[in-house]
Amino acid sequence: MALIRKTIALGLLAAAVAVGSFAWWAGQPVIGEEPAIEFTINKGSGASAAGQQMVAAGVPIQPLMFNLLARVSGKSGQLKAGTYELKPGTTPLRLIDQLVRGEFAQESLTIIEGWTFRQMRQAIAAHKGLKHDTVELSDRELMARINPDFKEPEGLFFPDTYLFAKGSSELAIFRQAHSMLMKRLGEAWEQRTPDLPYKSPYEALTMASIVEKETGQKSERNMIAAVFVNRLKLGMMLQTDPTVIYGIGPKFDGNIRKKDLETDTPYNTYTRTGLPPTPISLPGLGSLMAALAPAKSSALYFVARGNGTSQFSDNLTDHNRAVNQYQRQ
């Protein structure tokens, strides 16, 4: 009898030790100060397969222990497929939680204010963390999948830093950036100053894209916008070089010449009145707000002072004087 009791006691002790060791293991970091390890869990994988896939990727996890922990916690069938990153200090318990929540390895992409859509497409196509599923599409085909209400994509994507799971679709990034632009444009349109010469939010977006390319100092956006708004109201030509450059396209060599200003294109605001047919860049929020809430000014001209700022004038005489002072010296 004593032997049986001793055997039972030893069994209980061994079980307690095993449980304690398992609990201790589950709460210990999988890796210490080593670099993060990237791994992928395939679609349809349970805890056992996931453990094997992690080991194959270099994660120093014990597959049997991981499988047992997932089953004990009731999460074995809840693991989400995707690419993950095991960071230093992550415990097996936290790792399982990460897989259940789908906390995928994140990538980022920054779209710069003032970029053209062509530059945005190039940046997206070059990003190694994206699934390149739009490369074969033309600009119009791409817009048809994003928002068929628009044919031309220029200006219709909000410049910002976007976070996404590694392996995400390019199309998802385009849709997110377009959705953000439409949201920001809609909000700015609702807050617009009365009596602006725009027939639609799209025309305001076109103006914002010009302001974005013309402004050297962010603090001058509202004044730059005021000049162009004043010109529109009076029926004056906008006469802004960035639209001419956009009309020249990839052939532009960095120098704008007199013949460029005289050569008519749909974007040449020296030969045509009004706004160009589309935006010429991806404007940021500051330029959107400036286009829809320009400064209260009667200025019709501005010229660069050479230090990043501009000299504004209400009439041609003062403008010519400023040009002589700051440009011709």
Protein backbone atom coordinates (compact mmCIF):
# COMPACT_ATOMS: atom_id res chain seq x y z
CA MET A 1 0.00 0.00 0.00
CA ALA A 2 2.83 2.33 0.96
CA LEU A 3 4.50 1.54 -2.35
CA ILE A 4 1.32 2.46 -4.26
CA ARG A 5 0.98 5.73 -2.40
CA LYS A 6 4.63 6.49 -3.09
CA THR A 7 4.19 5.71 -6.76
CA ILE A 8 1.11 7.94 -7.00
CA ALA A 9 2.93 10.72 -5.20
CA LEU A 10 5.89 10.47 -7.54
CA GLY A 11 3.52 10.48 -10.52
CA LEU A 12 1.75 13.58 -9.27
CA LEU A 13 5.07 15.23 -8.59
CA ALA A 14 6.30 14.40 -12.07
CA ALA A 15 3.07 15.75 -13.57
CA ALA A 16 3.39 18.94 -11.56
CA VAL A 17 6.99 19.35 -12.69
CA ALA A 18 5.97 18.73 -16.31
CA VAL A 19 3.14 21.24 -16.08
CA GLY A 20 5.40 23.75 -14.41
CA SER A 21 8.11 23.26 -17.03
CA PHE A 22 5.54 23.63 -19.83
CA ALA A 23 4.17 26.82 -18.30
CA TRP A 24 7.71 28.15 -17.84
CA TRP A 25 8.57 27.37 -21.48
CA ALA A 26 5.42 29.06 -22.73
CA GLY A 27 6.40 32.27 -20.98
CA GLN A 28 10.05 32.43 -22.09
CA PRO A 29 11.24 34.45 -25.12
CA VAL A 30 11.71 32.33 -28.23
CA ILE A 31 14.70 34.50 -29.19
CA GLY A 32 16.64 37.02 -27.15
CA GLU A 33 18.58 39.87 -28.74
CA GLU A 34 18.99 38.19 -32.11
CA PRO A 35 17.61 39.91 -35.22
CA ALA A 36 13.91 39.39 -35.96
CA ILE A 37 13.06 36.28 -37.97
CA GLU A 38 10.60 36.36 -40.83
CA PHE A 39 8.45 33.32 -41.53
CA THR A 40 5.34 32.40 -43.49
CA ILE A 41 2.37 30.28 -42.43
CA ASN A 42 0.73 28.64 -45.41
CA LYS A 43 -3.01 28.70 -46.00
CA GLY A 44 -4.86 25.88 -44.24
CA SER A 45 -2.07 25.16 -41.77
CA GLY A 46 -2.91 23.91 -38.30
CA ALA A 47 -0.64 24.27 -35.28
CA SER A 48 1.46 21.21 -36.16
CA ALA A 49 2.16 22.35 -39.72
CA ALA A 50 2.72 25.93 -38.54
CA GLY A 51 5.34 24.74 -36.09
CA GLN A 52 7.17 22.84 -38.81
CA GLN A 53 7.04 25.85 -41.16
CA MET A 54 8.48 28.13 -38.47
CA VAL A 55 11.34 25.72 -37.80
CA ALA A 56 12.06 25.51 -41.53
CA ALA A 57 12.30 29.33 -41.60
CA GLY A 58 14.81 29.34 -38.75
CA VAL A 59 12.53 29.97 -35.76
CA PRO A 60 13.99 28.04 -32.77
CA ILE A 61 10.62 26.76 -31.57
CA GLN A 62 9.86 23.20 -30.40
CA PRO A 63 7.10 22.07 -32.79
CA LEU A 64 5.59 19.48 -30.44
CA MET A 65 5.47 21.96 -27.55
CA PHE A 66 4.04 24.67 -29.82
CA ASN A 67 1.35 22.28 -31.10
CA LEU A 68 0.46 21.26 -27.54
CA LEU A 69 0.28 24.88 -26.39
CA ALA A 70 -2.01 25.79 -29.30
CA ARG A 71 -4.30 22.88 -28.51
CA VAL A 72 -4.36 23.51 -24.77
CA SER A 73 -5.24 27.16 -25.40
CA GLY A 74 -7.99 26.17 -27.83
CA LYS A 75 -6.46 28.13 -30.71
CA SER A 76 -5.04 25.39 -32.90
CA GLY A 77 -7.57 25.91 -35.67
CA GLN A 78 -7.54 29.73 -35.53
CA LEU A 79 -4.08 30.46 -36.96
CA LYS A 80 -4.14 32.85 -39.91
CA ALA A 81 -2.01 32.33 -42.99
CA GLY A 82 0.46 35.07 -43.89
CA THR A 83 3.97 36.38 -43.46
CA TYR A 84 5.03 37.23 -39.91
CA GLU A 85 8.02 38.58 -38.06
CA LEU A 86 9.23 37.02 -34.79
CA LYS A 87 10.73 39.85 -32.77
CA PRO A 88 13.13 39.51 -29.82
CA GLY A 89 11.34 38.91 -26.54
CA THR A 90 8.29 37.19 -28.10
CA THR A 91 7.12 34.22 -26.00
CA PRO A 92 5.32 31.14 -27.40
CA LEU A 93 2.11 32.41 -25.82
CA ARG A 94 2.51 35.81 -27.52
CA LEU A 95 3.48 34.10 -30.77
CA ILE A 96 0.25 32.10 -30.85
CA ASP A 97 -1.71 35.27 -30.10
CA GLN A 98 0.10 36.98 -32.98
CA LEU A 99 -0.86 34.18 -35.38
CA VAL A 100 -4.48 34.16 -34.22
CA ARG A 101 -4.82 37.93 -34.56
CA GLY A 102 -3.12 37.95 -37.95
CA GLU A 103 -0.45 40.47 -36.90
CA PHE A 104 1.48 40.13 -40.12
CA ALA A 105 4.94 41.48 -40.83
CA GLN A 106 4.41 45.11 -41.81
CA GLU A 107 5.93 47.01 -44.67
CA SER A 108 5.64 50.71 -45.43
CA LEU A 109 5.51 52.84 -48.54
CA THR A 110 5.77 56.62 -48.60
CA ILE A 111 4.11 58.58 -51.41
CA ILE A 112 5.67 62.05 -51.60
CA GLU A 113 3.62 65.24 -51.95
CA GLY A 114 4.08 66.68 -55.41
CA TRP A 115 4.94 63.38 -57.08
CA THR A 116 3.21 62.64 -60.36
CA PHE A 117 1.15 59.49 -60.67
CA ARG A 118 3.89 58.07 -62.89
CA GLN A 119 6.37 58.43 -60.02
CA MET A 120 3.90 56.79 -57.64
CA ARG A 121 3.48 53.81 -59.96
CA GLN A 122 7.24 53.45 -60.25
CA ALA A 123 7.65 53.45 -56.46
CA ILE A 124 4.93 50.84 -56.00
CA ALA A 125 6.29 48.64 -58.78
CA ALA A 126 9.76 48.75 -57.20
CA HIS A 127 8.61 47.86 -53.66
CA LYS A 128 9.77 44.34 -52.80
CA GLY A 129 7.13 43.83 -50.12
CA LEU A 130 4.17 44.06 -52.50
CA LYS A 131 2.45 41.55 -54.76
CA HIS A 132 2.86 43.12 -58.18
CA ASP A 133 -0.56 42.52 -59.69
CA THR A 134 -1.09 45.81 -61.58
CA VAL A 135 2.12 46.11 -63.58
CA GLU A 136 0.49 44.97 -66.81
CA LEU A 137 -2.45 47.37 -66.48
CA SER A 138 -2.55 50.71 -68.27
CA ASP A 139 -3.39 53.80 -66.23
CA ARG A 140 -6.97 53.75 -67.48
CA GLU A 141 -7.37 50.03 -66.84
CA LEU A 142 -6.09 50.58 -63.32
CA MET A 143 -8.56 53.42 -62.69
CA ALA A 144 -11.38 51.25 -63.99
CA ARG A 145 -10.65 48.81 -61.16
CA ILE A 146 -10.28 51.53 -58.53
CA ASN A 147 -12.98 54.05 -59.44
CA PRO A 148 -14.61 53.91 -62.88
CA ASP A 149 -15.94 57.45 -62.41
CA PHE A 150 -12.46 58.70 -63.37
CA LYS A 151 -10.44 57.88 -66.48
CA GLU A 152 -7.20 59.71 -65.72
CA PRO A 153 -5.41 58.87 -62.44
CA GLU A 154 -3.31 62.00 -61.97
CA GLY A 155 -3.89 63.69 -58.59
CA LEU A 156 -6.38 61.10 -57.38
CA PHE A 157 -4.14 59.47 -54.74
CA PHE A 158 -3.26 60.93 -51.37
CA PRO A 159 0.46 61.29 -50.59
CA ASP A 160 1.16 59.67 -47.23
CA THR A 161 2.98 56.75 -45.59
CA TYR A 162 1.00 53.53 -45.92
CA LEU A 163 1.51 50.44 -43.75
CA PHE A 164 0.56 47.03 -45.07
CA ALA A 165 1.18 43.33 -44.57
CA LYS A 166 4.06 41.94 -46.58
CA GLY A 167 2.78 40.39 -49.78
CA SER A 168 -0.21 42.72 -50.00
CA SER A 169 -1.66 43.54 -53.41
CA GLU A 170 -0.53 46.67 -55.23
CA LEU A 171 -4.17 47.23 -56.07
CA ALA A 172 -5.01 47.40 -52.35
CA ILE A 173 -2.48 50.22 -51.89
CA PHE A 174 -3.84 52.14 -54.86
CA ARG A 175 -7.38 51.76 -53.53
CA GLN A 176 -6.37 52.86 -50.04
CA ALA A 177 -4.54 55.96 -51.34
CA HIS A 178 -7.46 56.86 -53.62
CA SER A 179 -10.00 56.41 -50.83
CA MET A 180 -7.94 58.66 -48.57
CA LEU A 181 -7.70 61.34 -51.29
CA MET A 182 -11.44 61.34 -51.85
CA LYS A 183 -12.03 61.60 -48.11
CA ARG A 184 -9.62 64.52 -47.68
CA LEU A 185 -10.93 66.29 -50.78
CA GLY A 186 -14.52 65.87 -49.64
CA GLU A 187 -13.75 67.29 -46.20
CA ALA A 188 -11.90 70.27 -47.67
CA TRP A 189 -14.71 70.90 -50.18
CA GLU A 190 -17.29 71.03 -47.39
CA GLN A 191 -15.19 73.69 -45.60
CA ARG A 192 -14.44 75.76 -48.72
CA THR A 193 -14.52 79.53 -48.87
CA PRO A 194 -17.63 80.92 -50.62
CA ASP A 195 -17.50 82.24 -54.21
CA LEU A 196 -14.57 80.15 -55.44
CA PRO A 197 -14.36 79.75 -59.24
CA TYR A 198 -14.57 75.94 -59.18
CA LYS A 199 -17.40 73.98 -60.74
CA SER A 200 -16.52 70.76 -58.91
CA PRO A 201 -14.21 69.25 -56.30
CA TYR A 202 -12.15 67.87 -59.20
CA GLU A 203 -11.35 71.40 -60.38
CA ALA A 204 -10.31 72.29 -56.83
CA LEU A 205 -8.06 69.22 -56.86
CA THR A 206 -6.50 70.43 -60.10
CA MET A 207 -5.80 73.81 -58.53
CA ALA A 208 -4.32 72.13 -55.45
CA SER A 209 -1.94 70.17 -57.66
CA ILE A 210 -0.68 73.42 -59.21
CA VAL A 211 -0.26 75.04 -55.79
CA GLU A 212 1.71 71.96 -54.69
CA LYS A 213 4.19 72.33 -57.56
CA GLU A 214 4.47 76.13 -57.39
CA THR A 215 5.04 76.55 -53.65
CA GLY A 216 8.57 76.80 -52.28
CA GLN A 217 7.55 77.68 -48.73
CA LYS A 218 4.60 75.87 -47.16
CA SER A 219 3.57 79.11 -45.46
CA GLU A 220 2.94 80.68 -48.89
CA ARG A 221 0.47 78.08 -50.16
CA ASN A 222 -2.56 80.22 -49.38
CA MET A 223 -1.07 83.25 -51.15
CA ILE A 224 -0.07 81.20 -54.21
CA ALA A 225 -3.61 79.83 -54.32
CA ALA A 226 -5.01 83.36 -53.99
CA VAL A 227 -3.06 84.53 -57.06
CA PHE A 228 -4.38 81.72 -59.24
CA VAL A 229 -7.94 82.03 -57.91
CA ASN A 230 -7.88 85.77 -58.61
CA ARG A 231 -6.66 85.10 -62.13
CA LEU A 232 -9.39 82.53 -62.74
CA LYS A 233 -12.05 84.97 -61.59
CA LEU A 234 -10.78 87.64 -63.99
CA GLY A 235 -10.40 85.25 -66.92
CA MET A 236 -6.61 85.75 -66.97
CA MET A 237 -4.30 82.98 -68.07
CA LEU A 238 -2.70 81.19 -65.12
CA GLN A 239 0.74 81.24 -66.83
CA THR A 240 2.31 78.68 -64.52
CA ASP A 241 5.42 76.77 -65.63
CA PRO A 242 4.65 73.46 -63.85
CA THR A 243 1.61 72.88 -66.10
CA VAL A 244 3.73 73.50 -69.19
CA ILE A 245 6.35 71.05 -67.91
CA TYR A 246 3.65 68.46 -67.23
CA GLY A 247 2.39 68.89 -70.79
CA ILE A 248 5.87 68.25 -72.17
CA GLY A 249 5.96 64.98 -70.25
CA PRO A 250 8.97 62.65 -69.90
CA LYS A 251 10.77 64.50 -72.71
CA PHE A 252 11.32 67.51 -70.43
CA ASP A 253 15.07 67.90 -69.90
CA GLY A 254 14.99 70.20 -66.87
CA ASN A 255 15.14 73.50 -68.76
CA ILE A 256 12.00 75.36 -69.75
CA ARG A 257 12.49 77.50 -72.85
CA LYS A 258 10.54 80.27 -74.59
CA LYS A 259 9.46 77.85 -77.32
CA ASP A 260 8.01 75.57 -74.62
CA LEU A 261 5.86 78.43 -73.37
CA GLU A 262 4.68 79.13 -76.92
CA THR A 263 4.00 75.51 -77.94
CA ASP A 264 0.35 74.74 -77.33
CA THR A 265 -0.67 71.65 -75.38
CA PRO A 266 -3.78 71.01 -73.26
CA TYR A 267 -1.60 71.85 -70.23
CA ASN A 268 0.00 75.04 -71.51
CA THR A 269 -1.51 77.77 -69.33
CA TYR A 270 0.39 80.40 -71.36
CA THR A 271 -1.64 79.56 -74.46
CA ARG A 272 -4.94 78.51 -72.84
CA THR A 273 -7.16 80.11 -70.25
CA GLY A 274 -8.63 78.27 -67.28
CA LEU A 275 -7.43 75.19 -65.49
CA PRO A 276 -5.67 72.33 -67.27
CA PRO A 277 -7.81 69.25 -68.01
CA THR A 278 -6.44 67.20 -65.09
CA PRO A 279 -4.31 67.70 -62.00
CA ILE A 280 -0.56 67.75 -62.60
CA SER A 281 0.64 66.15 -59.35
CA LEU A 282 -0.45 64.46 -56.14
CA PRO A 283 -1.27 67.35 -53.79
CA GLY A 284 -0.99 67.04 -50.02
CA LEU A 285 -3.52 68.20 -47.47
CA GLY A 286 -1.91 71.65 -47.14
CA SER A 287 -2.35 72.37 -50.84
CA LEU A 288 -5.91 71.03 -50.83
CA MET A 289 -6.82 73.35 -47.98
CA ALA A 290 -5.07 76.30 -49.65
CA ALA A 291 -6.93 75.78 -52.93
CA LEU A 292 -10.25 75.74 -51.09
CA ALA A 293 -9.44 78.47 -48.57
CA PRO A 294 -6.98 80.85 -50.29
CA ALA A 295 -5.65 83.95 -48.61
CA LYS A 296 -7.72 87.14 -48.80
CA SER A 297 -5.55 89.03 -51.24
CA SER A 298 -5.83 90.96 -54.49
CA ALA A 299 -2.41 89.73 -55.71
CA LEU A 300 -2.21 88.66 -59.34
CA TYR A 301 1.52 88.00 -59.68
CA PHE A 302 4.42 86.49 -57.79
CA VAL A 303 8.10 86.02 -58.45
CA ALA A 304 10.75 84.01 -56.62
CA ARG A 305 13.07 86.07 -54.46
CA GLY A 306 15.85 83.50 -54.72
CA ASN A 307 15.70 82.46 -51.08
CA GLY A 308 12.74 80.09 -51.32
CA THR A 309 10.12 82.80 -50.77
CA SER A 310 8.07 84.85 -53.25
CA GLN A 311 7.29 88.52 -53.84
CA PHE A 312 3.58 89.09 -54.50
CA SER A 313 2.20 92.02 -56.53
CA ASP A 314 -1.27 93.37 -57.29
CA ASN A 315 -0.40 94.87 -60.67
CA LEU A 316 1.95 94.34 -63.60
CA THR A 317 4.05 97.44 -62.91
CA ASP A 318 4.93 96.28 -59.40
CA HIS A 319 5.49 92.76 -60.68
CA ASN A 320 7.95 93.91 -63.36
CA ARG A 321 9.76 95.91 -60.73
CA ALA A 322 10.00 92.79 -58.56
CA VAL A 323 11.23 90.73 -61.49
CA ASN A 324 13.99 93.27 -62.18
CA GLN A 325 14.96 93.27 -58.51
CA TYR A 326 14.95 89.56 -57.78
CA GLN A 327 15.50 87.88 -61.16
CA ARG A 328 17.37 90.27 -63.43
CA GLN A 329 19.11 92.20 -60.64
